[in-house]
Amino acid sequence: MNYKDALNVSIDLTDKKLTRAKLAEIASTLQGHCLLFEVDKPTLISPQSYIKDVRTRWDIHLTEWRAITKDIMNVGKQARVIYDRAYARAFN
């Protein structure tokens, strides 16, 4: 079955001539045509949109990197305080 015939098939639930196999053939034809259409003409985003997306992702990366760096620094400071307290208890 070709694509134009598949588009023009009337689907009537009371029609006994329309079998399950016929419906499967119609669906397969329509699906195949849609897939070919998507492969032939992929949709591309504009360069401005791409640059905006890259900048946004980079900003997110920098924000997360700054947060993890700050957390690591705080862990170091807290470890130093705990070490000093333990040292003071042990030798005072």
N, C-alpha and C. Protein backbone atom coordinates (compact mmCIF):
# COMPACT_ATOMS: atom_id res chain seq x y z
N MET A 1 0.85 -1.17 0.00
CA MET A 1 0.00 0.00 0.00
C MET A 1 0.90 1.24 0.00
N ASN A 2 0.57 2.23 -0.81
CA ASN A 2 1.37 3.44 -0.82
C ASN A 2 0.82 4.44 0.19
N TYR A 3 1.57 5.51 0.37
CA TYR A 3 1.25 6.49 1.41
C TYR A 3 -0.07 7.20 1.15
N LYS A 4 -0.31 7.62 -0.07
CA LYS A 4 -1.55 8.37 -0.37
C LYS A 4 -2.80 7.51 -0.16
N ASP A 5 -2.70 6.21 -0.52
CA ASP A 5 -3.84 5.31 -0.27
C ASP A 5 -4.08 5.15 1.23
N ALA A 6 -2.97 5.06 1.98
CA ALA A 6 -3.10 4.90 3.43
C ALA A 6 -3.74 6.13 4.07
N LEU A 7 -3.45 7.30 3.52
CA LEU A 7 -4.05 8.53 4.07
C LEU A 7 -5.54 8.61 3.81
N ASN A 8 -5.99 8.07 2.68
CA ASN A 8 -7.38 8.21 2.27
C ASN A 8 -8.28 7.06 2.69
N VAL A 9 -7.78 6.11 3.44
CA VAL A 9 -8.60 4.99 3.88
C VAL A 9 -9.57 5.49 4.94
N SER A 10 -10.82 5.19 4.75
CA SER A 10 -11.80 5.55 5.79
C SER A 10 -11.89 4.40 6.78
N ILE A 11 -11.75 4.73 8.02
CA ILE A 11 -11.79 3.70 9.07
C ILE A 11 -13.17 3.78 9.72
N ASP A 12 -13.97 2.79 9.42
CA ASP A 12 -15.33 2.73 9.95
C ASP A 12 -15.42 1.46 10.80
N LEU A 13 -15.81 1.60 12.02
CA LEU A 13 -15.84 0.44 12.92
C LEU A 13 -16.92 -0.57 12.53
N THR A 14 -17.91 -0.14 11.80
CA THR A 14 -18.95 -1.08 11.37
C THR A 14 -18.58 -1.78 10.07
N ASP A 15 -17.49 -1.37 9.44
CA ASP A 15 -17.05 -1.98 8.19
C ASP A 15 -16.37 -3.30 8.49
N LYS A 16 -16.92 -4.39 8.01
CA LYS A 16 -16.36 -5.72 8.29
C LYS A 16 -15.22 -6.06 7.35
N LYS A 17 -15.03 -5.28 6.26
CA LYS A 17 -13.95 -5.56 5.31
C LYS A 17 -12.60 -5.12 5.86
N LEU A 18 -12.61 -4.21 6.82
CA LEU A 18 -11.37 -3.69 7.39
C LEU A 18 -10.88 -4.66 8.48
N THR A 19 -9.96 -5.50 8.12
CA THR A 19 -9.47 -6.52 9.06
C THR A 19 -8.30 -5.97 9.87
N ARG A 20 -7.91 -6.76 10.83
CA ARG A 20 -6.77 -6.38 11.67
C ARG A 20 -5.50 -6.29 10.83
N ALA A 21 -5.33 -7.18 9.88
CA ALA A 21 -4.16 -7.16 9.02
C ALA A 21 -4.13 -5.89 8.16
N LYS A 22 -5.29 -5.49 7.68
CA LYS A 22 -5.39 -4.27 6.87
C LYS A 22 -5.03 -3.05 7.71
N LEU A 23 -5.52 -2.99 8.94
CA LEU A 23 -5.19 -1.89 9.84
C LEU A 23 -3.69 -1.85 10.13
N ALA A 24 -3.10 -3.03 10.33
CA ALA A 24 -1.66 -3.10 10.58
C ALA A 24 -0.88 -2.61 9.37
N GLU A 25 -1.35 -2.95 8.17
CA GLU A 25 -0.68 -2.50 6.95
C GLU A 25 -0.77 -0.98 6.80
N ILE A 26 -1.93 -0.43 7.10
CA ILE A 26 -2.11 1.03 7.03
C ILE A 26 -1.19 1.72 8.03
N ALA A 27 -1.16 1.22 9.25
CA ALA A 27 -0.32 1.81 10.29
C ALA A 27 1.15 1.72 9.93
N SER A 28 1.56 0.58 9.38
CA SER A 28 2.95 0.40 8.99
C SER A 28 3.34 1.37 7.88
N THR A 29 2.45 1.56 6.91
CA THR A 29 2.72 2.48 5.81
C THR A 29 2.86 3.91 6.31
N LEU A 30 1.94 4.34 7.16
CA LEU A 30 1.99 5.70 7.69
C LEU A 30 3.22 5.92 8.56
N GLN A 31 3.53 4.92 9.38
CA GLN A 31 4.68 5.04 10.26
C GLN A 31 5.98 5.09 9.45
N GLY A 32 6.07 4.24 8.43
CA GLY A 32 7.26 4.24 7.58
C GLY A 32 7.47 5.57 6.89
N HIS A 33 6.39 6.15 6.40
CA HIS A 33 6.50 7.44 5.73
C HIS A 33 6.93 8.54 6.71
N CYS A 34 6.37 8.52 7.91
CA CYS A 34 6.74 9.53 8.90
C CYS A 34 8.21 9.41 9.30
N LEU A 35 8.69 8.19 9.45
CA LEU A 35 10.09 7.99 9.79
C LEU A 35 11.01 8.46 8.68
N LEU A 36 10.64 8.18 7.43
CA LEU A 36 11.44 8.65 6.30
C LEU A 36 11.46 10.17 6.25
N PHE A 37 10.34 10.79 6.55
CA PHE A 37 10.27 12.24 6.54
C PHE A 37 11.19 12.83 7.60
N GLU A 38 11.23 12.22 8.78
CA GLU A 38 12.10 12.70 9.85
C GLU A 38 13.57 12.54 9.51
N VAL A 39 13.92 11.44 8.83
CA VAL A 39 15.32 11.20 8.47
C VAL A 39 15.75 12.15 7.36
N ASP A 40 14.85 12.41 6.41
CA ASP A 40 15.19 13.28 5.29
C ASP A 40 15.41 14.72 5.71
N LYS A 41 14.59 15.23 6.60
CA LYS A 41 14.66 16.63 6.98
C LYS A 41 14.75 16.76 8.50
N PRO A 42 15.97 16.58 9.04
CA PRO A 42 16.08 16.74 10.49
C PRO A 42 15.93 18.21 10.87
N THR A 43 15.34 18.45 12.01
CA THR A 43 15.17 19.82 12.47
C THR A 43 16.41 20.24 13.24
N LEU A 44 16.96 21.36 12.85
CA LEU A 44 18.16 21.88 13.50
C LEU A 44 17.79 23.12 14.30
N ILE A 45 18.50 23.31 15.39
CA ILE A 45 18.27 24.51 16.17
C ILE A 45 19.14 25.63 15.58
N SER A 46 18.75 26.84 15.81
CA SER A 46 19.49 27.97 15.27
C SER A 46 20.81 28.14 16.02
N PRO A 47 21.80 28.74 15.36
CA PRO A 47 23.09 28.96 16.05
C PRO A 47 22.94 29.81 17.31
N GLN A 48 22.04 30.79 17.28
CA GLN A 48 21.85 31.63 18.47
C GLN A 48 21.31 30.81 19.63
N SER A 49 20.38 29.90 19.33
CA SER A 49 19.83 29.05 20.37
C SER A 49 20.88 28.10 20.91
N TYR A 50 21.73 27.59 20.02
CA TYR A 50 22.81 26.69 20.44
C TYR A 50 23.78 27.41 21.36
N ILE A 51 24.18 28.63 20.98
CA ILE A 51 25.13 29.40 21.80
C ILE A 51 24.51 29.71 23.16
N LYS A 52 23.24 30.07 23.17
CA LYS A 52 22.55 30.34 24.44
C LYS A 52 22.54 29.10 25.32
N ASP A 53 22.28 27.93 24.72
CA ASP A 53 22.25 26.67 25.47
C ASP A 53 23.64 26.37 26.05
N VAL A 54 24.68 26.56 25.25
CA VAL A 54 26.04 26.29 25.73
C VAL A 54 26.39 27.22 26.89
N ARG A 55 26.04 28.49 26.74
CA ARG A 55 26.33 29.45 27.82
C ARG A 55 25.58 29.11 29.09
N THR A 56 24.33 28.70 28.94
CA THR A 56 23.54 28.32 30.11
C THR A 56 24.15 27.12 30.81
N ARG A 57 24.52 26.12 30.02
CA ARG A 57 25.15 24.92 30.61
C ARG A 57 26.47 25.27 31.30
N TRP A 58 27.25 26.17 30.70
CA TRP A 58 28.52 26.57 31.29
C TRP A 58 28.29 27.31 32.61
N ASP A 59 27.27 28.18 32.64
CA ASP A 59 26.94 28.89 33.88
C ASP A 59 26.54 27.91 34.98
N ILE A 60 25.76 26.91 34.63
CA ILE A 60 25.38 25.89 35.61
C ILE A 60 26.61 25.16 36.11
N HIS A 61 27.52 24.82 35.19
CA HIS A 61 28.75 24.12 35.57
C HIS A 61 29.56 24.97 36.54
N LEU A 62 29.72 26.26 36.23
CA LEU A 62 30.50 27.13 37.11
C LEU A 62 29.86 27.27 38.49
N THR A 63 28.55 27.40 38.52
CA THR A 63 27.84 27.52 39.81
C THR A 63 28.04 26.27 40.65
N GLU A 64 27.91 25.10 40.01
CA GLU A 64 28.10 23.85 40.76
C GLU A 64 29.55 23.69 41.19
N TRP A 65 30.49 24.09 40.34
CA TRP A 65 31.91 23.96 40.68
C TRP A 65 32.26 24.87 41.86
N ARG A 66 31.72 26.07 41.84
CA ARG A 66 31.98 26.99 42.97
C ARG A 66 31.39 26.43 44.27
N ALA A 67 30.21 25.83 44.18
CA ALA A 67 29.58 25.28 45.38
C ALA A 67 30.38 24.11 45.94
N ILE A 68 30.86 23.24 45.05
CA ILE A 68 31.63 22.09 45.56
C ILE A 68 32.99 22.54 46.10
N THR A 69 33.59 23.55 45.50
CA THR A 69 34.85 24.09 46.01
C THR A 69 34.64 24.69 47.40
N LYS A 70 33.55 25.43 47.56
CA LYS A 70 33.24 26.02 48.86
C LYS A 70 33.01 24.94 49.90
N ASP A 71 32.29 23.87 49.52
CA ASP A 71 32.05 22.76 50.45
C ASP A 71 33.36 22.09 50.86
N ILE A 72 34.26 21.89 49.93
CA ILE A 72 35.55 21.26 50.25
C ILE A 72 36.36 22.14 51.19
N MET A 73 36.33 23.46 50.94
CA MET A 73 37.04 24.38 51.83
C MET A 73 36.45 24.32 53.24
N ASN A 74 35.11 24.28 53.33
CA ASN A 74 34.47 24.23 54.65
C ASN A 74 34.80 22.92 55.37
N VAL A 75 34.86 21.82 54.63
CA VAL A 75 35.22 20.55 55.26
C VAL A 75 36.63 20.63 55.82
N GLY A 76 37.53 21.25 55.05
CA GLY A 76 38.91 21.42 55.53
C GLY A 76 38.97 22.26 56.80
N LYS A 77 38.21 23.35 56.83
CA LYS A 77 38.20 24.21 58.02
C LYS A 77 37.62 23.47 59.22
N GLN A 78 36.53 22.72 59.00
CA GLN A 78 35.92 21.97 60.10
C GLN A 78 36.85 20.87 60.59
N ALA A 79 37.55 20.24 59.70
CA ALA A 79 38.50 19.20 60.11
C ALA A 79 39.63 19.80 60.95
N ARG A 80 40.06 21.00 60.58
CA ARG A 80 41.11 21.67 61.35
C ARG A 80 40.63 21.98 62.77
N VAL A 81 39.39 22.44 62.91
CA VAL A 81 38.83 22.75 64.23
C VAL A 81 38.74 21.47 65.07
N ILE A 82 38.25 20.40 64.48
CA ILE A 82 38.13 19.12 65.20
C ILE A 82 39.51 18.60 65.61
N TYR A 83 40.47 18.72 64.70
CA TYR A 83 41.83 18.26 65.01
C TYR A 83 42.42 19.08 66.17
N ASP A 84 42.25 20.41 66.13
CA ASP A 84 42.78 21.27 67.19
C ASP A 84 42.15 20.92 68.54
N ARG A 85 40.83 20.68 68.56
CA ARG A 85 40.16 20.31 69.81
C ARG A 85 40.68 18.98 70.35
N ALA A 86 40.84 18.00 69.45
CA ALA A 86 41.34 16.69 69.88
C ALA A 86 42.77 16.82 70.38
N TYR A 87 43.59 17.58 69.72
CA TYR A 87 44.97 17.78 70.13
C TYR A 87 45.05 18.47 71.49
N ALA A 88 44.17 19.45 71.68
CA ALA A 88 44.16 20.18 72.95
C ALA A 88 43.75 19.27 74.09
N ARG A 89 42.75 18.39 73.84
CA ARG A 89 42.32 17.46 74.89
C ARG A 89 43.42 16.45 75.22
N ALA A 90 44.11 15.99 74.22
CA ALA A 90 45.10 14.94 74.43
C ALA A 90 46.31 15.45 75.17
N PHE A 91 46.72 16.68 74.91
CA PHE A 91 47.98 17.14 75.49
C PHE A 91 47.81 18.26 76.49
N ASN A 92 46.61 18.59 76.90
CA ASN A 92 46.44 19.61 77.95
C ASN A 92 45.89 19.02 79.18
